[in-house]
C-alpha cells in the first residue's frame, strides 16, 4: 500500500508516495534533509540555481557515502570469507590427524 511522506526543503514541503516501509522512507527522507542542511550551511546563498546545486551536492555526498559503505562491506565479506576458509582448513587438518 502506498503511503505518503512529507519533507521540508528550502522552506517548502514536498510530499511523495512510497511503497516501502514508512519508517524506512522517513529515514531516507531525513537523511536527504540532513545532508541538504549540512551543504546549505557550508554554502549559504538563496538563488534557485544555488538550491539546485545544493541538492546536487547533497545527492553526490550521499551517493559517495553509499559507495564507500558498499566497498567496506565487500572488503569485510572478503576478509571473513578468507578467515573462514583458513579456519575450516585448520579444523579439517585437526580432525584428519
N, C-alpha and C. Protein backbone atom coordinates (compact mmCIF):
# COMPACT_ATOMS: atom_id res chain seq x y z
N UNK A 1 0.84 -1.19 0.00
CA UNK A 1 0.00 0.00 0.00
C UNK A 1 0.88 1.25 0.00
N UNK A 2 0.60 2.17 -0.89
CA UNK A 2 1.34 3.42 -0.95
C UNK A 2 1.06 4.26 0.29
N UNK A 3 2.12 4.88 0.80
CA UNK A 3 1.99 5.80 1.92
C UNK A 3 2.66 7.11 1.54
N UNK A 4 2.28 8.18 2.21
CA UNK A 4 2.83 9.49 1.90
C UNK A 4 3.85 9.90 2.95
N UNK A 5 4.94 10.49 2.48
CA UNK A 5 5.96 11.05 3.36
C UNK A 5 6.17 12.49 2.92
N UNK A 6 6.24 13.40 3.90
CA UNK A 6 6.46 14.81 3.60
C UNK A 6 7.76 15.25 4.24
N UNK A 7 8.56 15.96 3.45
CA UNK A 7 9.79 16.55 3.96
C UNK A 7 9.76 18.04 3.64
N UNK A 8 10.59 18.79 4.33
CA UNK A 8 10.69 20.21 4.05
C UNK A 8 12.10 20.53 3.60
N UNK A 9 12.19 21.12 2.42
CA UNK A 9 13.47 21.57 1.87
C UNK A 9 13.33 23.01 1.42
N UNK A 10 14.28 23.83 1.80
CA UNK A 10 14.28 25.25 1.41
C UNK A 10 13.00 25.95 1.81
N UNK A 11 12.44 25.54 2.95
CA UNK A 11 11.23 26.17 3.47
C UNK A 11 9.94 25.74 2.79
N UNK A 12 10.00 24.73 1.93
CA UNK A 12 8.81 24.26 1.24
C UNK A 12 8.60 22.78 1.52
N UNK A 13 7.34 22.38 1.73
CA UNK A 13 7.08 20.95 1.95
C UNK A 13 7.02 20.21 0.61
N UNK A 14 7.53 19.00 0.62
CA UNK A 14 7.47 18.12 -0.54
C UNK A 14 6.92 16.78 -0.06
N UNK A 15 5.87 16.33 -0.71
CA UNK A 15 5.24 15.07 -0.33
C UNK A 15 5.43 14.08 -1.46
N UNK A 16 5.77 12.85 -1.09
CA UNK A 16 5.94 11.81 -2.10
C UNK A 16 5.35 10.50 -1.58
N UNK A 17 5.01 9.65 -2.53
CA UNK A 17 4.48 8.33 -2.20
C UNK A 17 5.63 7.35 -2.05
N UNK A 18 5.42 6.40 -1.16
CA UNK A 18 6.41 5.35 -1.01
C UNK A 18 5.71 4.00 -0.93
N UNK A 19 6.31 3.03 -1.58
CA UNK A 19 5.80 1.67 -1.49
C UNK A 19 6.53 0.90 -0.41
N UNK A 20 7.65 1.45 0.06
CA UNK A 20 8.44 0.76 1.08
C UNK A 20 7.87 1.05 2.47
N UNK A 21 8.46 0.40 3.44
CA UNK A 21 8.09 0.61 4.84
C UNK A 21 8.19 2.10 5.15
N UNK A 22 7.17 2.64 5.79
CA UNK A 22 7.12 4.08 6.07
C UNK A 22 8.29 4.52 6.93
N UNK A 23 8.72 3.68 7.87
CA UNK A 23 9.86 4.03 8.72
C UNK A 23 11.12 4.18 7.89
N UNK A 24 11.34 3.27 6.96
CA UNK A 24 12.49 3.33 6.09
C UNK A 24 12.43 4.56 5.18
N UNK A 25 11.27 4.85 4.65
CA UNK A 25 11.10 6.01 3.77
C UNK A 25 11.39 7.30 4.52
N UNK A 26 10.93 7.38 5.77
CA UNK A 26 11.20 8.58 6.58
C UNK A 26 12.68 8.70 6.89
N UNK A 27 13.33 7.58 7.14
CA UNK A 27 14.77 7.60 7.42
C UNK A 27 15.54 8.10 6.20
N UNK A 28 15.16 7.63 5.02
CA UNK A 28 15.79 8.07 3.78
C UNK A 28 15.56 9.57 3.57
N UNK A 29 14.32 10.00 3.75
CA UNK A 29 13.99 11.41 3.58
C UNK A 29 14.74 12.28 4.59
N UNK A 30 14.81 11.82 5.83
CA UNK A 30 15.54 12.57 6.86
C UNK A 30 17.03 12.68 6.52
N UNK A 31 17.57 11.61 5.95
CA UNK A 31 18.97 11.63 5.52
C UNK A 31 19.20 12.73 4.48
N UNK A 32 18.30 12.83 3.51
CA UNK A 32 18.41 13.86 2.48
C UNK A 32 18.31 15.25 3.10
N UNK A 33 17.32 15.45 3.96
CA UNK A 33 17.12 16.76 4.59
C UNK A 33 18.36 17.15 5.38
N UNK A 34 18.89 16.22 6.15
CA UNK A 34 20.08 16.48 6.96
C UNK A 34 21.26 16.87 6.09
N UNK A 35 21.47 16.13 4.99
CA UNK A 35 22.60 16.43 4.11
C UNK A 35 22.41 17.75 3.39
N UNK A 36 21.18 18.07 2.97
CA UNK A 36 20.91 19.37 2.33
C UNK A 36 21.23 20.49 3.31
N UNK A 37 20.81 20.35 4.55
CA UNK A 37 21.09 21.39 5.56
C UNK A 37 22.59 21.54 5.79
N UNK A 38 23.30 20.41 5.80
CA UNK A 38 24.75 20.47 6.00
C UNK A 38 25.42 21.21 4.84
N UNK A 39 25.01 20.88 3.60
CA UNK A 39 25.57 21.55 2.43
C UNK A 39 25.18 23.03 2.43
N UNK A 40 23.93 23.33 2.79
CA UNK A 40 23.48 24.73 2.87
C UNK A 40 24.33 25.53 3.85
N UNK A 41 24.64 24.93 4.98
CA UNK A 41 25.40 25.66 5.99
C UNK A 41 26.82 25.95 5.51
N UNK A 42 27.31 25.14 4.59
CA UNK A 42 28.65 25.37 4.04
C UNK A 42 28.64 26.37 2.89
N UNK A 43 27.52 26.46 2.18
CA UNK A 43 27.41 27.35 1.01
C UNK A 43 26.11 28.14 1.12
N UNK A 44 26.08 29.16 1.94
CA UNK A 44 24.81 29.83 2.20
C UNK A 44 24.57 31.00 1.24
N UNK A 45 23.66 30.76 0.25
CA UNK A 45 23.08 31.79 -0.60
C UNK A 45 21.67 31.35 -0.94
N UNK A 46 20.86 32.21 -1.55
CA UNK A 46 19.44 31.91 -1.70
C UNK A 46 18.92 31.81 -3.12
N UNK A 47 19.74 31.84 -4.16
CA UNK A 47 19.21 31.78 -5.52
C UNK A 47 18.68 30.38 -5.83
N UNK A 48 17.75 30.28 -6.79
CA UNK A 48 17.20 28.97 -7.13
C UNK A 48 18.26 28.07 -7.77
N UNK A 49 19.20 28.65 -8.50
CA UNK A 49 20.28 27.85 -9.06
C UNK A 49 21.12 27.26 -7.94
N UNK A 50 21.32 28.02 -6.90
CA UNK A 50 22.09 27.54 -5.76
C UNK A 50 21.32 26.44 -5.04
N UNK A 51 20.00 26.55 -4.97
CA UNK A 51 19.20 25.49 -4.36
C UNK A 51 19.37 24.19 -5.14
N UNK A 52 19.35 24.29 -6.45
CA UNK A 52 19.55 23.11 -7.29
C UNK A 52 20.95 22.55 -7.07
N UNK A 53 21.94 23.44 -7.04
CA UNK A 53 23.32 23.00 -6.82
C UNK A 53 23.45 22.35 -5.44
N UNK A 54 22.75 22.89 -4.46
CA UNK A 54 22.76 22.32 -3.11
C UNK A 54 22.21 20.90 -3.13
N UNK A 55 21.09 20.71 -3.84
CA UNK A 55 20.51 19.36 -3.96
C UNK A 55 21.47 18.40 -4.65
N UNK A 56 22.13 18.86 -5.70
CA UNK A 56 23.08 18.02 -6.42
C UNK A 56 24.25 17.65 -5.52
N UNK A 57 24.80 18.62 -4.80
CA UNK A 57 25.91 18.34 -3.89
C UNK A 57 25.50 17.36 -2.79
N UNK A 58 24.31 17.55 -2.24
CA UNK A 58 23.81 16.64 -1.21
C UNK A 58 23.67 15.23 -1.78
N UNK A 59 23.11 15.11 -2.98
CA UNK A 59 22.94 13.80 -3.61
C UNK A 59 24.29 13.15 -3.88
N UNK A 60 25.26 13.93 -4.35
CA UNK A 60 26.60 13.38 -4.60
C UNK A 60 27.26 12.93 -3.30
N UNK A 61 27.10 13.70 -2.23
CA UNK A 61 27.66 13.32 -0.94
C UNK A 61 27.05 12.00 -0.45
N UNK A 62 25.73 11.88 -0.58
CA UNK A 62 25.05 10.66 -0.14
C UNK A 62 25.47 9.48 -1.00
N UNK A 63 25.56 9.69 -2.31
CA UNK A 63 25.99 8.61 -3.21
C UNK A 63 27.42 8.18 -2.89
N UNK A 64 28.30 9.14 -2.63
CA UNK A 64 29.68 8.83 -2.28
C UNK A 64 29.74 8.00 -1.00
N UNK A 65 28.98 8.40 0.00
CA UNK A 65 28.95 7.65 1.26
C UNK A 65 28.42 6.23 1.04
N UNK A 66 27.41 6.11 0.19
CA UNK A 66 26.84 4.80 -0.13
C UNK A 66 27.89 3.90 -0.80
N UNK A 67 28.62 4.44 -1.75
CA UNK A 67 29.64 3.67 -2.45
C UNK A 67 30.75 3.26 -1.49
N UNK A 68 31.16 4.17 -0.60
CA UNK A 68 32.19 3.84 0.39
C UNK A 68 31.72 2.70 1.30
N UNK A 69 30.46 2.76 1.73
CA UNK A 69 29.93 1.71 2.59
C UNK A 69 29.87 0.36 1.86
N UNK A 70 29.50 0.39 0.58
CA UNK A 70 29.47 -0.84 -0.21
C UNK A 70 30.86 -1.44 -0.33
N UNK A 71 31.87 -0.60 -0.56
CA UNK A 71 33.24 -1.09 -0.65
C UNK A 71 33.69 -1.70 0.68
N UNK A 72 33.39 -1.00 1.77
CA UNK A 72 33.76 -1.52 3.10
C UNK A 72 33.07 -2.85 3.36
N UNK A 73 31.82 -2.95 2.99
CA UNK A 73 31.08 -4.20 3.18
C UNK A 73 31.69 -5.32 2.35
N UNK A 74 32.01 -5.01 1.11
CA UNK A 74 32.61 -6.00 0.22
C UNK A 74 33.96 -6.46 0.78
N UNK A 75 34.78 -5.53 1.24
CA UNK A 75 36.07 -5.88 1.84
C UNK A 75 35.88 -6.76 3.07
N UNK A 76 34.89 -6.43 3.88
CA UNK A 76 34.60 -7.22 5.08
C UNK A 76 34.20 -8.64 4.72
N UNK A 77 33.34 -8.77 3.72
CA UNK A 77 32.91 -10.10 3.28
C UNK A 77 34.11 -10.92 2.79
N UNK A 78 34.98 -10.29 2.05
CA UNK A 78 36.18 -10.98 1.55
C UNK A 78 37.06 -11.42 2.71
N UNK A 79 37.30 -10.53 3.68
CA UNK A 79 38.13 -10.88 4.84
C UNK A 79 37.51 -12.02 5.64
N UNK A 80 36.21 -11.96 5.87
CA UNK A 80 35.52 -13.01 6.62
C UNK A 80 35.60 -14.34 5.87
N UNK A 81 35.42 -14.27 4.56
CA UNK A 81 35.49 -15.49 3.74
C UNK A 81 36.87 -16.13 3.83
N UNK A 82 37.92 -15.32 3.72
CA UNK A 82 39.29 -15.85 3.81
C UNK A 82 39.56 -16.45 5.18
N UNK A 83 39.13 -15.75 6.23
CA UNK A 83 39.34 -16.27 7.58
C UNK A 83 38.56 -17.57 7.79
N UNK A 84 37.36 -17.61 7.25
CA UNK A 84 36.55 -18.83 7.37
C UNK A 84 37.22 -20.00 6.67
N UNK A 85 37.73 -19.75 5.48
CA UNK A 85 38.44 -20.80 4.74
C UNK A 85 39.64 -21.30 5.53
N UNK A 86 40.40 -20.38 6.12
CA UNK A 86 41.56 -20.77 6.92
C UNK A 86 41.15 -21.59 8.14
N UNK A 87 40.11 -21.18 8.81
CA UNK A 87 39.63 -21.91 9.98
C UNK A 87 39.14 -23.30 9.61
N UNK A 88 38.43 -23.40 8.51
CA UNK A 88 37.93 -24.70 8.05
C UNK A 88 39.12 -25.61 7.73
N UNK A 89 40.14 -25.08 7.06
CA UNK A 89 41.33 -25.87 6.75
C UNK A 89 42.01 -26.36 8.03
N UNK A 90 42.14 -25.45 9.00
CA UNK A 90 42.78 -25.83 10.26
C UNK A 90 41.95 -26.91 10.99
N UNK A 91 40.64 -26.73 11.02
CA UNK A 91 39.77 -27.72 11.67
C UNK A 91 39.85 -29.06 10.95
N UNK A 92 39.81 -29.01 9.61
CA UNK A 92 39.92 -30.24 8.83
C UNK A 92 41.23 -30.97 9.12
N UNK A 93 42.31 -30.21 9.21
CA UNK A 93 43.61 -30.83 9.45
C UNK A 93 43.67 -31.43 10.86
N UNK A 94 43.00 -30.83 11.82
CA UNK A 94 42.97 -31.37 13.19
C UNK A 94 42.13 -32.64 13.27
N UNK A 95 41.07 -32.68 12.52
CA UNK A 95 40.18 -33.83 12.54
C UNK A 95 40.83 -35.01 11.83
N UNK A 96 41.53 -34.76 10.75
CA UNK A 96 42.12 -35.85 9.97
C UNK A 96 43.43 -36.34 10.54
N UNK A 97 44.03 -35.62 11.47
CA UNK A 97 45.31 -36.05 12.07
C UNK A 97 45.13 -37.16 13.06
